Amino acid sequence: MKVYSLKSCDTCRKAIKEMTAAGLDPQVQDVSADGLSGDDIAAILSAFGEKSVNRASTTWRGLSDEDKARDPADLLAEHPTLLKRPVIVSDGVWYQGWSAAVKASVLG
């Protein structure tokens, strides 16, 4: 199981804590410190499309209108903190966020 997160994100920390408490061993990739590879971005966009970009984030609000109109893959490559988090890959299934439904699926 892999979790794309941000160490300063409360939801990400909560999700990782709950996964660990449930006996799972999430491999955490901090998108701010580690970035996102082109393959990661392609897979995330394939799974979630435009919803991959967090348009409510501080990073998004700081972008110019010109930047906001750019391709999501380019935006995520340049500003990985725009990723709507957490993104979880478990047994080939992709999840985004930490809603009750995602939690139930991931934690079993």
PDB file of N, CA and C in Angstrom:
ATOM      1  N   MET A   1       0.839  -1.164   0.000  1.00  0.00           N
ATOM      2  CA  MET A   1       0.000   0.000   0.000  1.00  0.00           C
ATOM      3  C   MET A   1       0.891   1.237   0.000  1.00  0.00           C
ATOM      4  N   LYS A   2       0.535   2.169  -0.874  1.00  0.00           N
ATOM      5  CA  LYS A   2       1.299   3.409  -0.961  1.00  0.00           C
ATOM      6  C   LYS A   2       0.349   4.574  -0.724  1.00  0.00           C
ATOM      7  N   VAL A   3       0.846   5.558   0.019  1.00  0.00           N
ATOM      8  CA  VAL A   3       0.047   6.747   0.327  1.00  0.00           C
ATOM      9  C   VAL A   3       0.827   7.978  -0.113  1.00  0.00           C
ATOM     10  N   TYR A   4       0.218   8.745  -1.004  1.00  0.00           N
ATOM     11  CA  TYR A   4       0.778  10.035  -1.400  1.00  0.00           C
ATOM     12  C   TYR A   4       0.166  11.065  -0.460  1.00  0.00           C
ATOM     13  N   SER A   5       1.019  11.733   0.302  1.00  0.00           N
ATOM     14  CA  SER A   5       0.500  12.626   1.322  1.00  0.00           C
ATOM     15  C   SER A   5       1.351  13.877   1.432  1.00  0.00           C
ATOM     16  N   LEU A   6       0.994  14.694   2.401  1.00  0.00           N
ATOM     17  CA  LEU A   6       1.748  15.889   2.738  1.00  0.00           C
ATOM     18  C   LEU A   6       1.853  15.892   4.249  1.00  0.00           C
ATOM     19  N   LYS A   7       3.072  15.993   4.774  1.00  0.00           N
ATOM     20  CA  LYS A   7       3.251  15.841   6.217  1.00  0.00           C
ATOM     21  C   LYS A   7       2.525  16.909   7.017  1.00  0.00           C
ATOM     22  N   SER A   8       2.206  18.045   6.403  1.00  0.00           N
ATOM     23  CA  SER A   8       1.490  19.094   7.122  1.00  0.00           C
ATOM     24  C   SER A   8      -0.028  18.986   6.969  1.00  0.00           C
ATOM     25  N   CYS A   9      -0.506  17.965   6.276  1.00  0.00           N
ATOM     26  CA  CYS A   9      -1.944  17.777   6.037  1.00  0.00           C
ATOM     27  C   CYS A   9      -2.561  16.946   7.163  1.00  0.00           C
ATOM     28  N   ASP A  10      -3.504  17.546   7.885  1.00  0.00           N
ATOM     29  CA  ASP A  10      -4.159  16.854   8.999  1.00  0.00           C
ATOM     30  C   ASP A  10      -4.877  15.583   8.543  1.00  0.00           C
ATOM     31  N   THR A  11      -5.565  15.646   7.411  1.00  0.00           N
ATOM     32  CA  THR A  11      -6.287  14.475   6.911  1.00  0.00           C
ATOM     33  C   THR A  11      -5.321  13.345   6.572  1.00  0.00           C
ATOM     34  N   CYS A  12      -4.185  13.686   5.972  1.00  0.00           N
ATOM     35  CA  CYS A  12      -3.182  12.674   5.638  1.00  0.00           C
ATOM     36  C   CYS A  12      -2.632  12.019   6.904  1.00  0.00           C
ATOM     37  N   ARG A  13      -2.309  12.842   7.885  1.00  0.00           N
ATOM     38  CA  ARG A  13      -1.772  12.290   9.143  1.00  0.00           C
ATOM     39  C   ARG A  13      -2.791  11.379   9.809  1.00  0.00           C
ATOM     40  N   LYS A  14      -4.056  11.785   9.802  1.00  0.00           N
ATOM     41  CA  LYS A  14      -5.116  10.971  10.402  1.00  0.00           C
ATOM     42  C   LYS A  14      -5.248   9.632   9.662  1.00  0.00           C
ATOM     43  N   ALA A  15      -5.237   9.682   8.332  1.00  0.00           N
ATOM     44  CA  ALA A  15      -5.376   8.461   7.536  1.00  0.00           C
ATOM     45  C   ALA A  15      -4.223   7.501   7.806  1.00  0.00           C
ATOM     46  N   ILE A  16      -2.999   8.013   7.806  1.00  0.00           N
ATOM     47  CA  ILE A  16      -1.824   7.168   8.045  1.00  0.00           C
ATOM     48  C   ILE A  16      -1.868   6.578   9.450  1.00  0.00           C
ATOM     49  N   LYS A  17      -2.263   7.373  10.417  1.00  0.00           N
ATOM     50  CA  LYS A  17      -2.366   6.888  11.797  1.00  0.00           C
ATOM     51  C   LYS A  17      -3.397   5.763  11.904  1.00  0.00           C
ATOM     52  N   GLU A  18      -4.554   5.933  11.267  1.00  0.00           N
ATOM     53  CA  GLU A  18      -5.597   4.908  11.319  1.00  0.00           C
ATOM     54  C   GLU A  18      -5.172   3.641  10.582  1.00  0.00           C
ATOM     55  N   MET A  19      -4.473   3.795   9.455  1.00  0.00           N
ATOM     56  CA  MET A  19      -3.991   2.615   8.727  1.00  0.00           C
ATOM     57  C   MET A  19      -2.989   1.839   9.574  1.00  0.00           C
ATOM     58  N   THR A  20      -2.072   2.554  10.203  1.00  0.00           N
ATOM     59  CA  THR A  20      -1.061   1.913  11.046  1.00  0.00           C
ATOM     60  C   THR A  20      -1.716   1.219  12.234  1.00  0.00           C
ATOM     61  N   ALA A  21      -2.694   1.870  12.851  1.00  0.00           N
ATOM     62  CA  ALA A  21      -3.409   1.290  13.996  1.00  0.00           C
ATOM     63  C   ALA A  21      -4.166   0.017  13.593  1.00  0.00           C
ATOM     64  N   ALA A  22      -4.576  -0.043  12.310  1.00  0.00           N
ATOM     65  CA  ALA A  22      -5.301  -1.223  11.812  1.00  0.00           C
ATOM     66  C   ALA A  22      -4.349  -2.339  11.387  1.00  0.00           C
ATOM     67  N   GLY A  23      -3.046  -2.126  11.590  1.00  0.00           N
ATOM     68  CA  GLY A  23      -2.077  -3.155  11.276  1.00  0.00           C
ATOM     69  C   GLY A  23      -1.528  -3.097   9.857  1.00  0.00           C
ATOM     70  N   LEU A  24      -1.868  -2.056   9.129  1.00  0.00           N
ATOM     71  CA  LEU A  24      -1.353  -1.896   7.771  1.00  0.00           C
ATOM     72  C   LEU A  24       0.002  -1.195   7.825  1.00  0.00           C
ATOM     73  N   ASP A  25       0.765  -1.359   6.770  1.00  0.00           N
ATOM     74  CA  ASP A  25       2.095  -0.751   6.702  1.00  0.00           C
ATOM     75  C   ASP A  25       2.164   0.168   5.484  1.00  0.00           C
ATOM     76  N   PRO A  26       1.564   1.362   5.574  1.00  0.00           N
ATOM     77  CA  PRO A  26       1.552   2.255   4.414  1.00  0.00           C
ATOM     78  C   PRO A  26       2.948   2.798   4.101  1.00  0.00           C
ATOM     79  N   GLN A  27       3.312   2.744   2.823  1.00  0.00           N
ATOM     80  CA  GLN A  27       4.553   3.351   2.361  1.00  0.00           C
ATOM     81  C   GLN A  27       4.204   4.783   1.968  1.00  0.00           C
ATOM     82  N   VAL A  28       4.681   5.736   2.739  1.00  0.00           N
ATOM     83  CA  VAL A  28       4.271   7.129   2.587  1.00  0.00           C
ATOM     84  C   VAL A  28       5.241   7.883   1.689  1.00  0.00           C
ATOM     85  N   GLN A  29       4.686   8.582   0.715  1.00  0.00           N
ATOM     86  CA  GLN A  29       5.472   9.474  -0.137  1.00  0.00           C
ATOM     87  C   GLN A  29       4.969  10.889   0.099  1.00  0.00           C
ATOM     88  N   ASP A  30       5.816  11.718   0.687  1.00  0.00           N
ATOM     89  CA  ASP A  30       5.477  13.113   0.928  1.00  0.00           C
ATOM     90  C   ASP A  30       5.653  13.875  -0.380  1.00  0.00           C
ATOM     91  N   VAL A  31       4.553  14.368  -0.938  1.00  0.00           N
ATOM     92  CA  VAL A  31       4.619  14.999  -2.255  1.00  0.00           C
ATOM     93  C   VAL A  31       5.404  16.308  -2.230  1.00  0.00           C
ATOM     94  N   SER A  32       5.482  16.950  -1.087  1.00  0.00           N
ATOM     95  CA  SER A  32       6.240  18.190  -0.994  1.00  0.00           C
ATOM     96  C   SER A  32       7.739  17.904  -0.979  1.00  0.00           C
ATOM     97  N   ALA A  33       8.155  16.949  -0.173  1.00  0.00           N
ATOM     98  CA  ALA A  33       9.576  16.625  -0.043  1.00  0.00           C
ATOM     99  C   ALA A  33      10.078  15.756  -1.194  1.00  0.00           C
ATOM    100  N   ASP A  34       9.250  14.785  -1.627  1.00  0.00           N
ATOM    101  CA  ASP A  34       9.678  13.802  -2.615  1.00  0.00           C
ATOM    102  C   ASP A  34       9.215  14.106  -4.036  1.00  0.00           C
ATOM    103  N   GLY A  35       8.197  14.966  -4.163  1.00  0.00           N
ATOM    104  CA  GLY A  35       7.643  15.264  -5.480  1.00  0.00           C
ATOM    105  C   GLY A  35       6.836  14.109  -6.028  1.00  0.00           C
ATOM    106  N   LEU A  36       6.453  14.235  -7.283  1.00  0.00           N
ATOM    107  CA  LEU A  36       5.697  13.202  -7.981  1.00  0.00           C
ATOM    108  C   LEU A  36       6.407  12.894  -9.285  1.00  0.00           C
ATOM    109  N   SER A  37       6.581  11.628  -9.590  1.00  0.00           N
ATOM    110  CA  SER A  37       7.201  11.246 -10.860  1.00  0.00           C
ATOM    111  C   SER A  37       6.173  11.403 -11.977  1.00  0.00           C
ATOM    112  N   GLY A  38       6.650  11.414 -13.189  1.00  0.00           N
ATOM    113  CA  GLY A  38       5.748  11.476 -14.338  1.00  0.00           C
ATOM    114  C   GLY A  38       4.799  10.289 -14.365  1.00  0.00           C
ATOM    115  N   ASP A  39       5.310   9.111 -13.990  1.00  0.00           N
ATOM    116  CA  ASP A  39       4.461   7.912 -13.950  1.00  0.00           C
ATOM    117  C   ASP A  39       3.391   8.031 -12.872  1.00  0.00           C
ATOM    118  N   ASP A  40       3.774   8.587 -11.700  1.00  0.00           N
ATOM    119  CA  ASP A  40       2.802   8.788 -10.620  1.00  0.00           C
ATOM    120  C   ASP A  40       1.687   9.723 -11.086  1.00  0.00           C
ATOM    121  N   ILE A  41       2.082  10.827 -11.690  1.00  0.00           N
ATOM    122  CA  ILE A  41       1.104  11.818 -12.158  1.00  0.00           C
ATOM    123  C   ILE A  41       0.168  11.206 -13.184  1.00  0.00           C
ATOM    124  N   ALA A  42       0.722  10.466 -14.133  1.00  0.00           N
ATOM    125  CA  ALA A  42      -0.094   9.831 -15.169  1.00  0.00           C
ATOM    126  C   ALA A  42      -1.098   8.855 -14.553  1.00  0.00           C
ATOM    127  N   ALA A  43      -0.653   8.059 -13.587  1.00  0.00           N
ATOM    128  CA  ALA A  43      -1.546   7.081 -12.950  1.00  0.00           C
ATOM    129  C   ALA A  43      -2.637   7.782 -12.141  1.00  0.00           C
ATOM    130  N   ILE A  44      -2.262   8.826 -11.419  1.00  0.00           N
ATOM    131  CA  ILE A  44      -3.237   9.562 -10.605  1.00  0.00           C
ATOM    132  C   ILE A  44      -4.267  10.243 -11.500  1.00  0.00           C
ATOM    133  N   LEU A  45      -3.814  10.888 -12.566  1.00  0.00           N
ATOM    134  CA  LEU A  45      -4.747  11.539 -13.493  1.00  0.00           C
ATOM    135  C   LEU A  45      -5.627  10.519 -14.202  1.00  0.00           C
ATOM    136  N   SER A  46      -5.086   9.340 -14.489  1.00  0.00           N
ATOM    137  CA  SER A  46      -5.887   8.282 -15.109  1.00  0.00           C
ATOM    138  C   SER A  46      -7.002   7.831 -14.168  1.00  0.00           C
ATOM    139  N   ALA A  47      -6.675   7.767 -12.878  1.00  0.00           N
ATOM    140  CA  ALA A  47      -7.658   7.311 -11.887  1.00  0.00           C
ATOM    141  C   ALA A  47      -8.699   8.376 -11.544  1.00  0.00           C
ATOM    142  N   PHE A  48      -8.272   9.640 -11.447  1.00  0.00           N
ATOM    143  CA  PHE A  48      -9.166  10.679 -10.914  1.00  0.00           C
ATOM    144  C   PHE A  48      -9.403  11.873 -11.836  1.00  0.00           C
ATOM    145  N   GLY A  49      -8.664  11.953 -12.928  1.00  0.00           N
ATOM    146  CA  GLY A  49      -8.848  13.060 -13.866  1.00  0.00           C
ATOM    147  C   GLY A  49      -8.616  14.421 -13.222  1.00  0.00           C
ATOM    148  N   GLU A  50      -9.421  15.378 -13.610  1.00  0.00           N
ATOM    149  CA  GLU A  50      -9.290  16.761 -13.127  1.00  0.00           C
ATOM    150  C   GLU A  50      -9.475  16.871 -11.614  1.00  0.00           C
ATOM    151  N   LYS A  51     -10.152  15.891 -11.017  1.00  0.00           N
ATOM    152  CA  LYS A  51     -10.382  15.914  -9.566  1.00  0.00           C
ATOM    153  C   LYS A  51      -9.091  15.690  -8.779  1.00  0.00           C
ATOM    154  N   SER A  52      -8.005  15.397  -9.490  1.00  0.00           N
ATOM    155  CA  SER A  52      -6.708  15.206  -8.836  1.00  0.00           C
ATOM    156  C   SER A  52      -6.156  16.509  -8.291  1.00  0.00           C
ATOM    157  N   VAL A  53      -6.597  17.622  -8.865  1.00  0.00           N
ATOM    158  CA  VAL A  53      -6.091  18.938  -8.474  1.00  0.00           C
ATOM    159  C   VAL A  53      -7.016  19.535  -7.419  1.00  0.00           C
ATOM    160  N   ASN A  54      -6.433  19.901  -6.292  1.00  0.00           N
ATOM    161  CA  ASN A  54      -7.184  20.494  -5.184  1.00  0.00           C
ATOM    162  C   ASN A  54      -7.350  21.986  -5.444  1.00  0.00           C
ATOM    163  N   ARG A  55      -8.527  22.352  -5.933  1.00  0.00           N
ATOM    164  CA  ARG A  55      -8.790  23.738  -6.282  1.00  0.00           C
ATOM    165  C   ARG A  55      -9.188  24.594  -5.072  1.00  0.00           C
ATOM    166  N   ALA A  56      -9.160  24.010  -3.887  1.00  0.00           N
ATOM    167  CA  ALA A  56      -9.447  24.766  -2.665  1.00  0.00           C
ATOM    168  C   ALA A  56      -8.166  25.040  -1.874  1.00  0.00           C
ATOM    169  N   SER A  57      -7.030  24.603  -2.419  1.00  0.00           N
ATOM    170  CA  SER A  57      -5.777  24.709  -1.673  1.00  0.00           C
ATOM    171  C   SER A  57      -5.186  26.110  -1.721  1.00  0.00           C
ATOM    172  N   THR A  58      -4.319  26.369  -0.755  1.00  0.00           N
ATOM    173  CA  THR A  58      -3.587  27.631  -0.711  1.00  0.00           C
ATOM    174  C   THR A  58      -2.726  27.782  -1.960  1.00  0.00           C
ATOM    175  N   THR A  59      -2.122  26.693  -2.402  1.00  0.00           N
ATOM    176  CA  THR A  59      -1.281  26.730  -3.598  1.00  0.00           C
ATOM    177  C   THR A  59      -2.104  27.154  -4.815  1.00  0.00           C
ATOM    178  N   TRP A  60      -3.296  26.578  -4.969  1.00  0.00           N
ATOM    179  CA  TRP A  60      -4.170  26.910  -6.101  1.00  0.00           C
ATOM    180  C   TRP A  60      -4.543  28.395  -6.074  1.00  0.00           C
ATOM    181  N   ARG A  61      -4.912  28.881  -4.899  1.00  0.00           N
ATOM    182  CA  ARG A  61      -5.316  30.290  -4.792  1.00  0.00           C
ATOM    183  C   ARG A  61      -4.175  31.239  -5.126  1.00  0.00           C
ATOM    184  N   GLY A  62      -2.933  30.779  -4.979  1.00  0.00           N
ATOM    185  CA  GLY A  62      -1.781  31.604  -5.277  1.00  0.00           C
ATOM    186  C   GLY A  62      -1.377  31.615  -6.745  1.00  0.00           C
ATOM    187  N   LEU A  63      -2.010  30.761  -7.556  1.00  0.00           N
ATOM    188  CA  LEU A  63      -1.672  30.684  -8.975  1.00  0.00           C
ATOM    189  C   LEU A  63      -2.364  31.783  -9.771  1.00  0.00           C
ATOM    190  N   SER A  64      -1.740  32.191 -10.841  1.00  0.00           N
ATOM    191  CA  SER A  64      -2.366  33.160 -11.752  1.00  0.00           C
ATOM    192  C   SER A  64      -3.461  32.444 -12.543  1.00  0.00           C
ATOM    193  N   ASP A  65      -4.349  33.216 -13.141  1.00  0.00           N
ATOM    194  CA  ASP A  65      -5.401  32.624 -13.974  1.00  0.00           C
ATOM    195  C   ASP A  65      -4.793  31.853 -15.139  1.00  0.00           C
ATOM    196  N   GLU A  66      -3.685  32.348 -15.637  1.00  0.00           N
ATOM    197  CA  GLU A  66      -2.985  31.675 -16.734  1.00  0.00           C
ATOM    198  C   GLU A  66      -2.485  30.301 -16.286  1.00  0.00           C
ATOM    199  N   ASP A  67      -1.901  30.255 -15.088  1.00  0.00           N
ATOM    200  CA  ASP A  67      -1.419  28.975 -14.562  1.00  0.00           C
ATOM    201  C   ASP A  67      -2.576  28.016 -14.292  1.00  0.00           C
ATOM    202  N   LYS A  68      -3.672  28.539 -13.767  1.00  0.00           N
ATOM    203  CA  LYS A  68      -4.828  27.687 -13.451  1.00  0.00           C
ATOM    204  C   LYS A  68      -5.400  27.014 -14.694  1.00  0.00           C
ATOM    205  N   ALA A  69      -5.184  27.610 -15.866  1.00  0.00           N
ATOM    206  CA  ALA A  69      -5.707  27.073 -17.119  1.00  0.00           C
ATOM    207  C   ALA A  69      -4.784  26.019 -17.728  1.00  0.00           C
ATOM    208  N   ARG A  70      -3.627  25.805 -17.125  1.00  0.00           N
ATOM    209  CA  ARG A  70      -2.656  24.846 -17.657  1.00  0.00           C
ATOM    210  C   ARG A  70      -3.118  23.405 -17.479  1.00  0.00           C
ATOM    211  N   ASP A  71      -2.458  22.513 -18.190  1.00  0.00           N
ATOM    212  CA  ASP A  71      -2.740  21.085 -18.114  1.00  0.00           C
ATOM    213  C   ASP A  71      -2.489  20.572 -16.691  1.00  0.00           C
ATOM    214  N   PRO A  72      -3.406  19.769 -16.130  1.00  0.00           N
ATOM    215  CA  PRO A  72      -3.221  19.259 -14.767  1.00  0.00           C
ATOM    216  C   PRO A  72      -1.905  18.508 -14.564  1.00  0.00           C
ATOM    217  N   ALA A  73      -1.439  17.783 -15.569  1.00  0.00           N
ATOM    218  CA  ALA A  73      -0.173  17.040 -15.428  1.00  0.00           C
ATOM    219  C   ALA A  73       0.987  18.012 -15.224  1.00  0.00           C
ATOM    220  N   ASP A  74       0.991  19.086 -15.981  1.00  0.00           N
ATOM    221  CA  ASP A  74       2.048  20.093 -15.833  1.00  0.00           C
ATOM    222  C   ASP A  74       1.961  20.772 -14.467  1.00  0.00           C
ATOM    223  N   LEU A  75       0.745  21.083 -14.041  1.00  0.00           N
ATOM    224  CA  LEU A  75       0.563  21.725 -12.730  1.00  0.00           C
ATOM    225  C   LEU A  75       1.059  20.836 -11.599  1.00  0.00           C
ATOM    226  N   LEU A  76       0.699  19.548 -11.644  1.00  0.00           N
ATOM    227  CA  LEU A  76       1.122  18.632 -10.583  1.00  0.00           C
ATOM    228  C   LEU A  76       2.629  18.396 -10.600  1.00  0.00           C
ATOM    229  N   ALA A  77       3.222  18.425 -11.782  1.00  0.00           N
ATOM    230  CA  ALA A  77       4.668  18.256 -11.866  1.00  0.00           C
ATOM    231  C   ALA A  77       5.382  19.463 -11.252  1.00  0.00           C
ATOM    232  N   GLU A  78       4.850  20.643 -11.518  1.00  0.00           N
ATOM    233  CA  GLU A  78       5.466  21.869 -11.023  1.00  0.00           C
ATOM    234  C   GLU A  78       5.091  22.180  -9.576  1.00  0.00           C
ATOM    235  N   HIS A  79       3.862  21.838  -9.203  1.00  0.00           N
ATOM    236  CA  HIS A  79       3.349  22.133  -7.857  1.00  0.00           C
ATOM    237  C   HIS A  79       2.702  20.868  -7.276  1.00  0.00           C
ATOM    238  N   PRO A  80       3.497  19.904  -6.803  1.00  0.00           N
ATOM    239  CA  PRO A  80       2.920  18.642  -6.317  1.00  0.00           C
ATOM    240  C   PRO A  80       1.968  18.818  -5.128  1.00  0.00           C
ATOM    241  N   THR A  81       2.069  19.927  -4.412  1.00  0.00           N
ATOM    242  CA  THR A  81       1.156  20.147  -3.289  1.00  0.00           C
ATOM    243  C   THR A  81      -0.265  20.454  -3.764  1.00  0.00           C
ATOM    244  N   LEU A  82      -0.470  20.618  -5.068  1.00  0.00           N
ATOM    245  CA  LEU A  82      -1.818  20.786  -5.616  1.00  0.00           C
ATOM    246  C   LEU A  82      -2.601  19.476  -5.617  1.00  0.00           C
ATOM    247  N   LEU A  83      -1.922  18.362  -5.374  1.00  0.00           N
ATOM    248  CA  LEU A  83      -2.590  17.061  -5.373  1.00  0.00           C
ATOM    249  C   LEU A  83      -3.635  17.017  -4.269  1.00  0.00           C
ATOM    250  N   LYS A  84      -4.840  16.596  -4.643  1.00  0.00           N
ATOM    251  CA  LYS A  84      -5.881  16.393  -3.639  1.00  0.00           C
ATOM    252  C   LYS A  84      -5.521  15.116  -2.891  1.00  0.00           C
ATOM    253  N   ARG A  85      -5.363  15.234  -1.574  1.00  0.00           N
ATOM    254  CA  ARG A  85      -4.780  14.162  -0.770  1.00  0.00           C
ATOM    255  C   ARG A  85      -5.746  13.658   0.304  1.00  0.00           C
ATOM    256  N   PRO A  86      -5.375  12.506   0.872  1.00  0.00           N
ATOM    257  CA  PRO A  86      -4.344  11.567   0.434  1.00  0.00           C
ATOM    258  C   PRO A  86      -4.799  10.785  -0.789  1.00  0.00           C
ATOM    259  N   VAL A  87      -3.835  10.307  -1.535  1.00  0.00           N
ATOM    260  CA  VAL A  87      -4.088   9.358  -2.616  1.00  0.00           C
ATOM    261  C   VAL A  87      -3.477   8.052  -2.153  1.00  0.00           C
ATOM    262  N   ILE A  88      -4.287   7.004  -2.201  1.00  0.00           N
ATOM    263  CA  ILE A  88      -3.880   5.703  -1.672  1.00  0.00           C
ATOM    264  C   ILE A  88      -3.989   4.667  -2.786  1.00  0.00           C
ATOM    265  N   VAL A  89      -2.965   3.839  -2.911  1.00  0.00           N
ATOM    266  CA  VAL A  89      -2.992   2.715  -3.855  1.00  0.00           C
ATOM    267  C   VAL A  89      -2.878   1.455  -3.020  1.00  0.00           C
ATOM    268  N   SER A  90      -3.907   0.626  -3.094  1.00  0.00           N
ATOM    269  CA  SER A  90      -3.921  -0.621  -2.330  1.00  0.00           C
ATOM    270  C   SER A  90      -4.377  -1.747  -3.243  1.00  0.00           C
ATOM    271  N   ASP A  91      -3.510  -2.719  -3.440  1.00  0.00           N
ATOM    272  CA  ASP A  91      -3.809  -3.868  -4.307  1.00  0.00           C
ATOM    273  C   ASP A  91      -4.293  -3.432  -5.688  1.00  0.00           C
ATOM    274  N   GLY A  92      -3.664  -2.398  -6.230  1.00  0.00           N
ATOM    275  CA  GLY A  92      -3.992  -1.933  -7.572  1.00  0.00           C
ATOM    276  C   GLY A  92      -5.218  -1.046  -7.667  1.00  0.00           C
ATOM    277  N   VAL A  93      -5.874  -0.793  -6.538  1.00  0.00           N
ATOM    278  CA  VAL A  93      -7.061   0.064  -6.521  1.00  0.00           C
ATOM    279  C   VAL A  93      -6.644   1.435  -5.989  1.00  0.00           C
ATOM    280  N   TRP A  94      -7.104   2.492  -6.667  1.00  0.00           N
ATOM    281  CA  TRP A  94      -6.761   3.868  -6.305  1.00  0.00           C
ATOM    282  C   TRP A  94      -7.905   4.514  -5.526  1.00  0.00           C
ATOM    283  N   TYR A  95      -7.544   5.216  -4.467  1.00  0.00           N
ATOM    284  CA  TYR A  95      -8.506   5.946  -3.641  1.00  0.00           C
ATOM    285  C   TYR A  95      -8.000   7.373  -3.460  1.00  0.00           C
ATOM    286  N   GLN A  96      -8.940   8.297  -3.296  1.00  0.00           N
ATOM    287  CA  GLN A  96      -8.559   9.685  -3.058  1.00  0.00           C
ATOM    288  C   GLN A  96      -9.387  10.220  -1.897  1.00  0.00           C
ATOM    289  N   GLY A  97      -8.702  10.900  -0.972  1.00  0.00           N
ATOM    290  CA  GLY A  97      -9.383  11.441   0.202  1.00  0.00           C
ATOM    291  C   GLY A  97      -9.452  10.406   1.312  1.00  0.00           C
ATOM    292  N   TRP A  98     -10.136  10.771   2.392  1.00  0.00           N
ATOM    293  CA  TRP A  98     -10.272   9.869   3.535  1.00  0.00           C
ATOM    294  C   TRP A  98     -11.712   9.917   4.025  1.00  0.00           C
ATOM    295  N   SER A  99     -12.632   9.726   3.098  1.00  0.00           N
ATOM    296  CA  SER A  99     -14.056   9.689   3.432  1.00  0.00           C
ATOM    297  C   SER A  99     -14.378   8.372   4.119  1.00  0.00           C
ATOM    298  N   ALA A 100     -15.585   8.259   4.639  1.00  0.00           N
ATOM    299  CA  ALA A 100     -16.017   7.024   5.288  1.00  0.00           C
ATOM    300  C   ALA A 100     -15.936   5.842   4.328  1.00  0.00           C
ATOM    301  N   ALA A 101     -16.302   6.058   3.064  1.00  0.00           N
ATOM    302  CA  ALA A 101     -16.267   4.976   2.078  1.00  0.00           C
ATOM    303  C   ALA A 101     -14.831   4.531   1.796  1.00  0.00           C
ATOM    304  N   VAL A 102     -13.922   5.493   1.648  1.00  0.00           N
ATOM    305  CA  VAL A 102     -12.525   5.143   1.401  1.00  0.00           C
ATOM    306  C   VAL A 102     -11.956   4.419   2.611  1.00  0.00           C
ATOM    307  N   LYS A 103     -12.242   4.948   3.798  1.00  0.00           N
ATOM    308  CA  LYS A 103     -11.760   4.356   5.031  1.00  0.00           C
ATOM    309  C   LYS A 103     -12.219   2.901   5.145  1.00  0.00           C
ATOM    310  N   ALA A 104     -13.503   2.642   4.862  1.00  0.00           N
ATOM    311  CA  ALA A 104     -14.041   1.290   4.955  1.00  0.00           C
ATOM    312  C   ALA A 104     -13.360   0.356   3.959  1.00  0.00           C
ATOM    313  N   SER A 105     -13.119   0.851   2.746  1.00  0.00           N
ATOM    314  CA  SER A 105     -12.469   0.025   1.729  1.00  0.00           C
ATOM    315  C   SER A 105     -11.018  -0.283   2.084  1.00  0.00           C
ATOM    316  N   VAL A 106     -10.301   0.716   2.553  1.00  0.00           N
ATOM    317  CA  VAL A 106      -8.879   0.544   2.841  1.00  0.00           C
ATOM    318  C   VAL A 106      -8.645  -0.261   4.126  1.00  0.00           C
ATOM    319  N   LEU A 107      -9.421   0.044   5.144  1.00  0.00           N
ATOM    320  CA  LEU A 107      -9.214  -0.618   6.436  1.00  0.00           C
ATOM    321  C   LEU A 107      -9.908  -1.977   6.524  1.00  0.00           C
ATOM    322  N   GLY A 108     -10.820  -2.236   5.581  1.00  0.00           N
ATOM    323  CA  GLY A 108     -11.478  -3.530   5.556  1.00  0.00           C
ATOM    324  C   GLY A 108     -12.606  -3.605   6.432  1.00  0.00           C
TER     325      GLY A 108
END
